[in-house]
Amino acid sequence: MWSGRSDDAGPPLDRRAFTAAALAAALALPQRAAALTEPTGASPVTNTIAILLYPGMTALDVVGPQNLLAGLGPIEWVAARTGPVASDTGLSLVATHDFGSCARDLDILLVPGGDGTPAQMRDAPTLAFLKERAQRAAWVTSVCTGSLILGAAGLLRGYRATSHWCVRDAVLPLLGAEPVAERVVFDRNRVTAAGVSAGLDFALALAARLRGEAYAKTAQLVAEYAPQPPFAAGTPVGAGPETTTAAQAILADLVAGARAAATGR
């Protein structure tokens, strides 16, 4: 088994550090190529990214996009308070910044979805933070039901947007958005993704806008993102009535809570 060292090497490489270094090097290739056309002395392009964390978020809404956006620049993990924040399946992520210490001028502001969405739709400090940062953010984005939180902050009124299928058509219109049954929706500087796994598609699409198709393709290949799901059950149409009914039962509390939060009840 490869030990991560050569005969004359020092201590073995930490596998996580090696993987991170290899990914960074691979993602930098398109940037290096582009740099050949830039004036001598030009600074590398970096983007400041803030990802909102809150109790009951869906971890994949956060971790999937983060994995593909990490090469673009520094990421701030933001919550009402710094420290561990539990997801809706119990996995905790660590907030490194609170609302006050988060960078004021952001290139990307990302809001995930999750079972905690209805509570965040009613949370005044969260909504105030999003409104304030969105005024100057280059891209205001969401994954899954995170679009409902953006909507509750008044940030999707008059915009085309998507969300998880269970709330897209039922709740987005209550927040002034035009629901669109697409995987990723761009409308001016708003970018919304459908449910959970669509966050990967969203991240690649946004990376392509920011750094070009070659960069995004490289990121996709490094991640070996070539999905081949064992079932065609990722949408209600593909899943069929019986499976859809079962899923609706699981999601019923989320839908009811989101509808109530959107209507102020």
C-alpha atoms as a PDB file:
ATOM      1  CA  MET A   1       0.000   0.000   0.000  1.00  0.00           C
ATOM      2  CA  TRP A   2       1.276   3.482  -0.869  1.00  0.00           C
ATOM      3  CA  SER A   3       2.396   5.187   2.313  1.00  0.00           C
ATOM      4  CA  GLY A   4       2.494   8.753   1.015  1.00  0.00           C
ATOM      5  CA  ARG A   5       6.325   8.917   1.156  1.00  0.00           C
ATOM      6  CA  SER A   6       9.427   8.059  -0.826  1.00  0.00           C
ATOM      7  CA  ASP A   7      12.553   6.420   0.561  1.00  0.00           C
ATOM      8  CA  ASP A   8      14.167   9.780   1.299  1.00  0.00           C
ATOM      9  CA  ALA A   9      10.986  11.587   2.369  1.00  0.00           C
ATOM     10  CA  GLY A  10      10.170  12.901   5.814  1.00  0.00           C
ATOM     11  CA  PRO A  11       7.006  11.991   7.740  1.00  0.00           C
ATOM     12  CA  PRO A  12       4.121  10.487   5.709  1.00  0.00           C
ATOM     13  CA  LEU A  13       1.783  12.964   4.059  1.00  0.00           C
ATOM     14  CA  ASP A  14      -1.569  13.467   5.690  1.00  0.00           C
ATOM     15  CA  ARG A  15      -4.038  12.010   3.180  1.00  0.00           C
ATOM     16  CA  ARG A  16      -6.558  14.823   3.624  1.00  0.00           C
ATOM     17  CA  ALA A  17      -3.868  17.451   3.118  1.00  0.00           C
ATOM     18  CA  PHE A  18      -2.634  15.645   0.008  1.00  0.00           C
ATOM     19  CA  THR A  19      -6.160  15.480  -1.435  1.00  0.00           C
ATOM     20  CA  ALA A  20      -6.802  19.154  -0.757  1.00  0.00           C
ATOM     21  CA  ALA A  21      -3.490  20.124  -2.349  1.00  0.00           C
ATOM     22  CA  ALA A  22      -4.169  17.977  -5.409  1.00  0.00           C
ATOM     23  CA  LEU A  23      -7.651  19.459  -5.821  1.00  0.00           C
ATOM     24  CA  ALA A  24      -6.360  23.004  -5.482  1.00  0.00           C
ATOM     25  CA  ALA A  25      -3.680  22.323  -8.072  1.00  0.00           C
ATOM     26  CA  ALA A  26      -6.159  20.814 -10.513  1.00  0.00           C
ATOM     27  CA  LEU A  27      -8.651  23.629 -10.128  1.00  0.00           C
ATOM     28  CA  ALA A  28      -5.867  26.174 -10.616  1.00  0.00           C
ATOM     29  CA  LEU A  29      -4.992  24.899 -14.103  1.00  0.00           C
ATOM     30  CA  PRO A  30      -7.640  26.932 -15.976  1.00  0.00           C
ATOM     31  CA  GLN A  31      -6.695  29.990 -13.911  1.00  0.00           C
ATOM     32  CA  ARG A  32      -3.043  29.568 -14.877  1.00  0.00           C
ATOM     33  CA  ALA A  33      -4.003  29.309 -18.516  1.00  0.00           C
ATOM     34  CA  ALA A  34      -6.163  32.419 -18.272  1.00  0.00           C
ATOM     35  CA  ALA A  35      -3.374  34.259 -16.486  1.00  0.00           C
ATOM     36  CA  LEU A  36      -1.245  34.010 -19.625  1.00  0.00           C
ATOM     37  CA  THR A  37      -3.527  36.589 -21.221  1.00  0.00           C
ATOM     38  CA  GLU A  38      -3.592  38.920 -18.220  1.00  0.00           C
ATOM     39  CA  PRO A  39      -1.263  41.899 -17.860  1.00  0.00           C
ATOM     40  CA  THR A  40       1.978  41.178 -16.025  1.00  0.00           C
ATOM     41  CA  GLY A  41       1.549  41.669 -12.297  1.00  0.00           C
ATOM     42  CA  ALA A  42      -2.238  41.096 -12.344  1.00  0.00           C
ATOM     43  CA  SER A  43      -3.541  39.649  -9.089  1.00  0.00           C
ATOM     44  CA  PRO A  44      -5.219  36.213  -9.148  1.00  0.00           C
ATOM     45  CA  VAL A  45      -8.998  36.384  -9.151  1.00  0.00           C
ATOM     46  CA  THR A  46     -10.556  35.348  -5.848  1.00  0.00           C
ATOM     47  CA  ASN A  47     -14.150  35.421  -4.718  1.00  0.00           C
ATOM     48  CA  THR A  48     -15.435  35.968  -1.190  1.00  0.00           C
ATOM     49  CA  ILE A  49     -18.156  33.460  -0.340  1.00  0.00           C
ATOM     50  CA  ALA A  50     -20.461  33.277   2.678  1.00  0.00           C
ATOM     51  CA  ILE A  51     -22.560  30.185   3.390  1.00  0.00           C
ATOM     52  CA  LEU A  52     -25.339  30.484   5.953  1.00  0.00           C
ATOM     53  CA  LEU A  53     -25.589  27.781   8.609  1.00  0.00           C
ATOM     54  CA  TYR A  54     -28.629  27.335  10.848  1.00  0.00           C
ATOM     55  CA  PRO A  55     -30.133  24.602  13.035  1.00  0.00           C
ATOM     56  CA  GLY A  56     -31.946  22.038  10.885  1.00  0.00           C
ATOM     57  CA  MET A  57     -30.176  22.846   7.610  1.00  0.00           C
ATOM     58  CA  THR A  58     -29.542  19.977   5.182  1.00  0.00           C
ATOM     59  CA  ALA A  59     -25.821  19.222   5.229  1.00  0.00           C
ATOM     60  CA  LEU A  60     -25.595  18.245   1.542  1.00  0.00           C
ATOM     61  CA  ASP A  61     -27.095  21.608   0.554  1.00  0.00           C
ATOM     62  CA  VAL A  62     -23.963  23.098   2.095  1.00  0.00           C
ATOM     63  CA  VAL A  63     -21.209  20.540   1.630  1.00  0.00           C
ATOM     64  CA  GLY A  64     -21.942  19.724  -2.024  1.00  0.00           C
ATOM     65  CA  PRO A  65     -21.648  23.304  -3.313  1.00  0.00           C
ATOM     66  CA  GLN A  66     -18.777  24.059  -0.932  1.00  0.00           C
ATOM     67  CA  ASN A  67     -16.727  21.216  -2.380  1.00  0.00           C
ATOM     68  CA  LEU A  68     -17.046  22.632  -5.887  1.00  0.00           C
ATOM     69  CA  LEU A  69     -16.809  26.327  -4.986  1.00  0.00           C
ATOM     70  CA  ALA A  70     -13.835  26.035  -2.613  1.00  0.00           C
ATOM     71  CA  GLY A  71     -11.344  26.740  -5.385  1.00  0.00           C
ATOM     72  CA  LEU A  72     -12.890  30.128  -6.114  1.00  0.00           C
ATOM     73  CA  GLY A  73     -11.791  31.819  -2.911  1.00  0.00           C
ATOM     74  CA  PRO A  74     -12.204  31.992   0.868  1.00  0.00           C
ATOM     75  CA  ILE A  75     -15.458  30.694   2.341  1.00  0.00           C
ATOM     76  CA  GLU A  76     -16.975  32.078   5.521  1.00  0.00           C
ATOM     77  CA  TRP A  77     -19.312  29.770   7.431  1.00  0.00           C
ATOM     78  CA  VAL A  78     -21.846  32.146   8.959  1.00  0.00           C
ATOM     79  CA  ALA A  79     -24.461  31.643  11.678  1.00  0.00           C
ATOM     80  CA  ALA A  80     -26.147  33.671  14.379  1.00  0.00           C
ATOM     81  CA  ARG A  81     -23.361  32.479  16.693  1.00  0.00           C
ATOM     82  CA  THR A  82     -20.010  30.869  15.970  1.00  0.00           C
ATOM     83  CA  GLY A  83     -19.480  27.213  16.800  1.00  0.00           C
ATOM     84  CA  PRO A  84     -21.148  23.908  15.877  1.00  0.00           C
ATOM     85  CA  VAL A  85     -24.524  24.030  14.124  1.00  0.00           C
ATOM     86  CA  ALA A  86     -26.523  20.794  13.861  1.00  0.00           C
ATOM     87  CA  SER A  87     -28.042  19.774  10.538  1.00  0.00           C
ATOM     88  CA  ASP A  88     -31.429  18.092  10.131  1.00  0.00           C
ATOM     89  CA  THR A  89     -29.793  14.647  10.258  1.00  0.00           C
ATOM     90  CA  GLY A  90     -27.575  15.409  13.255  1.00  0.00           C
ATOM     91  CA  LEU A  91     -24.334  16.171  11.418  1.00  0.00           C
ATOM     92  CA  SER A  92     -22.849  19.406  12.763  1.00  0.00           C
ATOM     93  CA  LEU A  93     -20.917  22.006  10.798  1.00  0.00           C
ATOM     94  CA  VAL A  94     -18.878  24.749  12.435  1.00  0.00           C
ATOM     95  CA  ALA A  95     -19.709  28.423  11.959  1.00  0.00           C
ATOM     96  CA  THR A  96     -16.518  30.474  11.802  1.00  0.00           C
ATOM     97  CA  HIS A  97     -18.277  33.852  11.644  1.00  0.00           C
ATOM     98  CA  ASP A  98     -21.373  35.392  13.169  1.00  0.00           C
ATOM     99  CA  PHE A  99     -23.600  37.910  11.412  1.00  0.00           C
ATOM    100  CA  GLY A 100     -21.521  40.838  12.606  1.00  0.00           C
ATOM    101  CA  SER A 101     -18.110  39.473  11.625  1.00  0.00           C
ATOM    102  CA  CYS A 102     -19.106  38.185   8.177  1.00  0.00           C
ATOM    103  CA  ALA A 103     -17.523  40.104   5.303  1.00  0.00           C
ATOM    104  CA  ARG A 104     -19.705  43.005   4.219  1.00  0.00           C
ATOM    105  CA  ASP A 105     -18.960  42.783   0.496  1.00  0.00           C
ATOM    106  CA  LEU A 106     -19.566  39.278  -0.831  1.00  0.00           C
ATOM    107  CA  ASP A 107     -19.236  37.760  -4.256  1.00  0.00           C
ATOM    108  CA  ILE A 108     -21.497  34.821  -3.352  1.00  0.00           C
ATOM    109  CA  LEU A 109     -24.101  34.606  -0.589  1.00  0.00           C
ATOM    110  CA  LEU A 110     -25.486  31.067  -0.297  1.00  0.00           C
ATOM    111  CA  VAL A 111     -28.493  29.912   1.728  1.00  0.00           C
ATOM    112  CA  PRO A 112     -29.186  26.175   2.125  1.00  0.00           C
ATOM    113  CA  GLY A 113     -32.521  24.528   2.799  1.00  0.00           C
ATOM    114  CA  GLY A 114     -33.590  21.939   5.336  1.00  0.00           C
ATOM    115  CA  ASP A 115     -36.157  21.089   7.991  1.00  0.00           C
ATOM    116  CA  GLY A 116     -35.194  24.273   9.817  1.00  0.00           C
ATOM    117  CA  THR A 117     -36.381  26.443   6.921  1.00  0.00           C
ATOM    118  CA  PRO A 118     -39.730  27.579   8.445  1.00  0.00           C
ATOM    119  CA  ALA A 119     -38.013  28.777  11.623  1.00  0.00           C
ATOM    120  CA  GLN A 120     -35.488  30.768   9.587  1.00  0.00           C
ATOM    121  CA  MET A 121     -38.277  32.294   7.513  1.00  0.00           C
ATOM    122  CA  ARG A 122     -39.507  33.847  10.766  1.00  0.00           C
ATOM    123  CA  ASP A 123     -36.118  34.662  12.295  1.00  0.00           C
ATOM    124  CA  ALA A 124     -35.677  38.444  12.279  1.00  0.00           C
ATOM    125  CA  PRO A 125     -31.858  38.527  12.765  1.00  0.00           C
ATOM    126  CA  THR A 126     -31.315  36.022   9.941  1.00  0.00           C
ATOM    127  CA  LEU A 127     -33.593  37.897   7.560  1.00  0.00           C
ATOM    128  CA  ALA A 128     -31.995  41.237   8.447  1.00  0.00           C
ATOM    129  CA  PHE A 129     -28.531  39.780   7.813  1.00  0.00           C
ATOM    130  CA  LEU A 130     -29.565  38.445   4.407  1.00  0.00           C
ATOM    131  CA  LYS A 131     -31.229  41.713   3.371  1.00  0.00           C
ATOM    132  CA  GLU A 132     -28.174  43.749   4.346  1.00  0.00           C
ATOM    133  CA  ARG A 133     -25.553  41.541   2.705  1.00  0.00           C
ATOM    134  CA  ALA A 134     -27.639  40.954  -0.422  1.00  0.00           C
ATOM    135  CA  GLN A 135     -27.584  44.678  -1.180  1.00  0.00           C
ATOM    136  CA  ARG A 136     -23.910  44.426  -2.111  1.00  0.00           C
ATOM    137  CA  ALA A 137     -23.474  40.739  -2.971  1.00  0.00           C
ATOM    138  CA  ALA A 138     -22.638  39.975  -6.587  1.00  0.00           C
ATOM    139  CA  TRP A 139     -24.622  36.722  -6.485  1.00  0.00           C
ATOM    140  CA  VAL A 140     -27.479  35.893  -4.090  1.00  0.00           C
ATOM    141  CA  THR A 141     -28.056  32.149  -4.177  1.00  0.00           C
ATOM    142  CA  SER A 142     -29.825  29.215  -2.567  1.00  0.00           C
ATOM    143  CA  VAL A 143     -30.180  25.457  -2.633  1.00  0.00           C
ATOM    144  CA  CYS A 144     -33.441  23.596  -2.029  1.00  0.00           C
ATOM    145  CA  THR A 145     -35.809  25.359   0.409  1.00  0.00           C
ATOM    146  CA  GLY A 146     -33.159  27.992   1.022  1.00  0.00           C
ATOM    147  CA  SER A 147     -34.999  29.946  -1.662  1.00  0.00           C
ATOM    148  CA  LEU A 148     -37.935  30.269   0.740  1.00  0.00           C
ATOM    149  CA  ILE A 149     -35.639  31.938   3.268  1.00  0.00           C
ATOM    150  CA  LEU A 150     -34.450  34.333   0.573  1.00  0.00           C
ATOM    151  CA  GLY A 151     -38.088  34.921  -0.317  1.00  0.00           C
ATOM    152  CA  ALA A 152     -39.025  35.606   3.303  1.00  0.00           C
ATOM    153  CA  ALA A 153     -36.293  38.255   3.338  1.00  0.00           C
ATOM    154  CA  GLY A 154     -37.970  39.875   0.328  1.00  0.00           C
ATOM    155  CA  LEU A 155     -35.106  38.960  -1.977  1.00  0.00           C
ATOM    156  CA  LEU A 156     -37.020  36.986  -4.618  1.00  0.00           C
ATOM    157  CA  ARG A 157     -39.967  39.280  -5.227  1.00  0.00           C
ATOM    158  CA  GLY A 158     -40.321  39.615  -8.994  1.00  0.00           C
ATOM    159  CA  TYR A 159     -37.694  36.953  -9.699  1.00  0.00           C
ATOM    160  CA  ARG A 160     -37.954  33.574 -11.376  1.00  0.00           C
ATOM    161  CA  ALA A 161     -36.843  30.907  -8.910  1.00  0.00           C
ATOM    162  CA  THR A 162     -36.922  27.234  -8.059  1.00  0.00           C
ATOM    163  CA  SER A 163     -36.902  25.187  -4.873  1.00  0.00           C
ATOM    164  CA  HIS A 164     -37.548  21.651  -3.677  1.00  0.00           C
ATOM    165  CA  TRP A 165     -40.499  20.213  -5.607  1.00  0.00           C
ATOM    166  CA  CYS A 166     -42.594  19.878  -2.446  1.00  0.00           C
ATOM    167  CA  VAL A 167     -42.754  23.665  -1.916  1.00  0.00           C
ATOM    168  CA  ARG A 168     -41.811  25.184  -5.268  1.00  0.00           C
ATOM    169  CA  ASP A 169     -45.307  25.783  -6.646  1.00  0.00           C
ATOM    170  CA  ALA A 170     -47.110  25.952  -3.301  1.00  0.00           C
ATOM    171  CA  VAL A 171     -44.958  28.450  -1.394  1.00  0.00           C
ATOM    172  CA  LEU A 172     -42.700  30.452  -3.723  1.00  0.00           C
ATOM    173  CA  PRO A 173     -45.634  32.431  -5.186  1.00  0.00           C
ATOM    174  CA  LEU A 174     -46.649  33.444  -1.661  1.00  0.00           C
ATOM    175  CA  LEU A 175     -43.260  35.146  -1.404  1.00  0.00           C
ATOM    176  CA  GLY A 176     -43.581  37.055  -4.669  1.00  0.00           C
ATOM    177  CA  ALA A 177     -41.438  34.729  -6.787  1.00  0.00           C
ATOM    178  CA  GLU A 178     -42.326  33.081 -10.076  1.00  0.00           C
ATOM    179  CA  PRO A 179     -41.817  29.309  -9.650  1.00  0.00           C
ATOM    180  CA  VAL A 180     -39.839  27.539 -12.356  1.00  0.00           C
ATOM    181  CA  ALA A 181     -39.610  23.748 -12.646  1.00  0.00           C
ATOM    182  CA  GLU A 182     -35.919  23.653 -13.493  1.00  0.00           C
ATOM    183  CA  ARG A 183     -32.828  22.239 -11.808  1.00  0.00           C
ATOM    184  CA  VAL A 184     -31.000  25.595 -11.619  1.00  0.00           C
ATOM    185  CA  VAL A 185     -32.536  28.994 -12.329  1.00  0.00           C
ATOM    186  CA  PHE A 186     -30.586  32.175 -13.055  1.00  0.00           C
ATOM    187  CA  ASP A 187     -32.480  35.480 -12.962  1.00  0.00           C
ATOM    188  CA  ARG A 188     -30.200  38.498 -12.964  1.00  0.00           C
ATOM    189  CA  ASN A 189     -27.961  37.989  -9.909  1.00  0.00           C
ATOM    190  CA  ARG A 190     -30.274  35.507  -8.200  1.00  0.00           C
ATOM    191  CA  VAL A 191     -29.436  31.819  -8.598  1.00  0.00           C
ATOM    192  CA  THR A 192     -31.678  29.163  -7.072  1.00  0.00           C
ATOM    193  CA  ALA A 193     -31.309  25.390  -7.178  1.00  0.00           C
ATOM    194  CA  ALA A 194     -33.919  22.684  -6.770  1.00  0.00           C
ATOM    195  CA  GLY A 195     -33.800  20.076  -4.011  1.00  0.00           C
ATOM    196  CA  VAL A 196     -30.619  19.013  -2.180  1.00  0.00           C
ATOM    197  CA  SER A 197     -28.542  17.262  -4.877  1.00  0.00           C
ATOM    198  CA  ALA A 198     -29.210  20.123  -7.312  1.00  0.00           C
ATOM    199  CA  GLY A 199     -26.677  22.097  -5.284  1.00  0.00           C
ATOM    200  CA  LEU A 200     -23.911  20.302  -7.182  1.00  0.00           C
ATOM    201  CA  ASP A 201     -25.339  21.400 -10.527  1.00  0.00           C
ATOM    202  CA  PHE A 202     -25.788  24.924  -9.194  1.00  0.00           C
ATOM    203  CA  ALA A 203     -22.158  25.147  -8.053  1.00  0.00           C
ATOM    204  CA  LEU A 204     -20.817  24.018 -11.414  1.00  0.00           C
ATOM    205  CA  ALA A 205     -23.104  26.393 -13.313  1.00  0.00           C
ATOM    206  CA  LEU A 206     -22.065  29.335 -11.144  1.00  0.00           C
ATOM    207  CA  ALA A 207     -18.371  28.394 -11.333  1.00  0.00           C
ATOM    208  CA  ALA A 208     -18.692  28.416 -15.122  1.00  0.00           C
ATOM    209  CA  ARG A 209     -20.159  31.925 -15.008  1.00  0.00           C
ATOM    210  CA  LEU A 210     -17.332  33.153 -12.790  1.00  0.00           C
ATOM    211  CA  ARG A 211     -14.299  31.315 -14.220  1.00  0.00           C
ATOM    212  CA  GLY A 212     -15.384  29.814 -17.513  1.00  0.00           C
ATOM    213  CA  GLU A 213     -16.450  26.425 -18.776  1.00  0.00           C
ATOM    214  CA  ALA A 214     -12.949  24.912 -18.674  1.00  0.00           C
ATOM    215  CA  TYR A 215     -12.649  25.666 -14.966  1.00  0.00           C
ATOM    216  CA  ALA A 216     -16.064  24.166 -14.181  1.00  0.00           C
ATOM    217  CA  LYS A 217     -15.352  21.056 -16.242  1.00  0.00           C
ATOM    218  CA  THR A 218     -12.080  20.562 -14.387  1.00  0.00           C
ATOM    219  CA  ALA A 219     -13.868  20.866 -11.047  1.00  0.00           C
ATOM    220  CA  GLN A 220     -16.476  18.352 -12.195  1.00  0.00           C
ATOM    221  CA  LEU A 221     -13.836  15.849 -13.259  1.00  0.00           C
ATOM    222  CA  VAL A 222     -11.808  16.218 -10.058  1.00  0.00           C
ATOM    223  CA  ALA A 223     -15.014  15.492  -8.123  1.00  0.00           C
ATOM    224  CA  GLU A 224     -15.857  12.656 -10.570  1.00  0.00           C
ATOM    225  CA  TYR A 225     -19.370  14.019 -10.684  1.00  0.00           C
ATOM    226  CA  ALA A 226     -20.918  11.632 -13.217  1.00  0.00           C
ATOM    227  CA  PRO A 227     -24.202  10.610 -11.563  1.00  0.00           C
ATOM    228  CA  GLN A 228     -25.766   7.289 -12.479  1.00  0.00           C
ATOM    229  CA  PRO A 229     -28.565   6.842  -9.916  1.00  0.00           C
ATOM    230  CA  PRO A 230     -29.923   3.300  -9.581  1.00  0.00           C
ATOM    231  CA  PHE A 231     -33.497   4.582  -9.942  1.00  0.00           C
ATOM    232  CA  ALA A 232     -35.208   7.285 -12.004  1.00  0.00           C
ATOM    233  CA  ALA A 233     -37.056   8.456  -8.904  1.00  0.00           C
ATOM    234  CA  GLY A 234     -35.600  11.920  -8.419  1.00  0.00           C
ATOM    235  CA  THR A 235     -38.801  13.726  -9.443  1.00  0.00           C
ATOM    236  CA  PRO A 236     -42.466  13.022  -8.708  1.00  0.00           C
ATOM    237  CA  VAL A 237     -43.035  12.180 -12.368  1.00  0.00           C
ATOM    238  CA  GLY A 238     -40.207   9.658 -12.403  1.00  0.00           C
ATOM    239  CA  ALA A 239     -40.991   8.249  -8.986  1.00  0.00           C
ATOM    240  CA  GLY A 240     -44.675   7.629  -9.623  1.00  0.00           C
ATOM    241  CA  PRO A 241     -47.747   8.150  -7.405  1.00  0.00           C
ATOM    242  CA  GLU A 242     -47.000   5.608  -4.674  1.00  0.00           C
ATOM    243  CA  THR A 243     -43.449   6.790  -3.993  1.00  0.00           C
ATOM    244  CA  THR A 244     -44.502  10.432  -4.271  1.00  0.00           C
ATOM    245  CA  THR A 245     -47.228   9.918  -1.683  1.00  0.00           C
ATOM    246  CA  ALA A 246     -44.717   8.337   0.702  1.00  0.00           C
ATOM    247  CA  ALA A 247     -42.312  11.252   0.205  1.00  0.00           C
ATOM    248  CA  GLN A 248     -45.080  13.803   0.708  1.00  0.00           C
ATOM    249  CA  ALA A 249     -45.910  12.229   4.063  1.00  0.00           C
ATOM    250  CA  ILE A 250     -42.283  12.646   5.159  1.00  0.00           C
ATOM    251  CA  LEU A 251     -42.197  16.257   3.944  1.00  0.00           C
ATOM    252  CA  ALA A 252     -45.664  17.277   5.175  1.00  0.00           C
ATOM    253  CA  ASP A 253     -44.489  19.143   8.287  1.00  0.00           C
ATOM    254  CA  LEU A 254     -41.896  21.080   6.293  1.00  0.00           C
ATOM    255  CA  VAL A 255     -44.469  22.096   3.690  1.00  0.00           C
ATOM    256  CA  ALA A 256     -47.055  23.123   6.307  1.00  0.00           C
ATOM    257  CA  GLY A 257     -44.465  25.083   8.295  1.00  0.00           C
ATOM    258  CA  ALA A 258     -43.149  26.868   5.221  1.00  0.00           C
ATOM    259  CA  ARG A 259     -46.639  27.779   4.046  1.00  0.00           C
ATOM    260  CA  ALA A 260     -47.533  29.133   7.473  1.00  0.00           C
ATOM    261  CA  ALA A 261     -44.329  31.159   7.663  1.00  0.00           C
ATOM    262  CA  ALA A 262     -44.915  32.583   4.168  1.00  0.00           C
ATOM    263  CA  THR A 263     -48.426  33.690   5.016  1.00  0.00           C
ATOM    264  CA  GLY A 264     -47.575  34.985   8.481  1.00  0.00           C
ATOM    265  CA  ARG A 265     -49.765  32.437  10.253  1.00  0.00           C
END
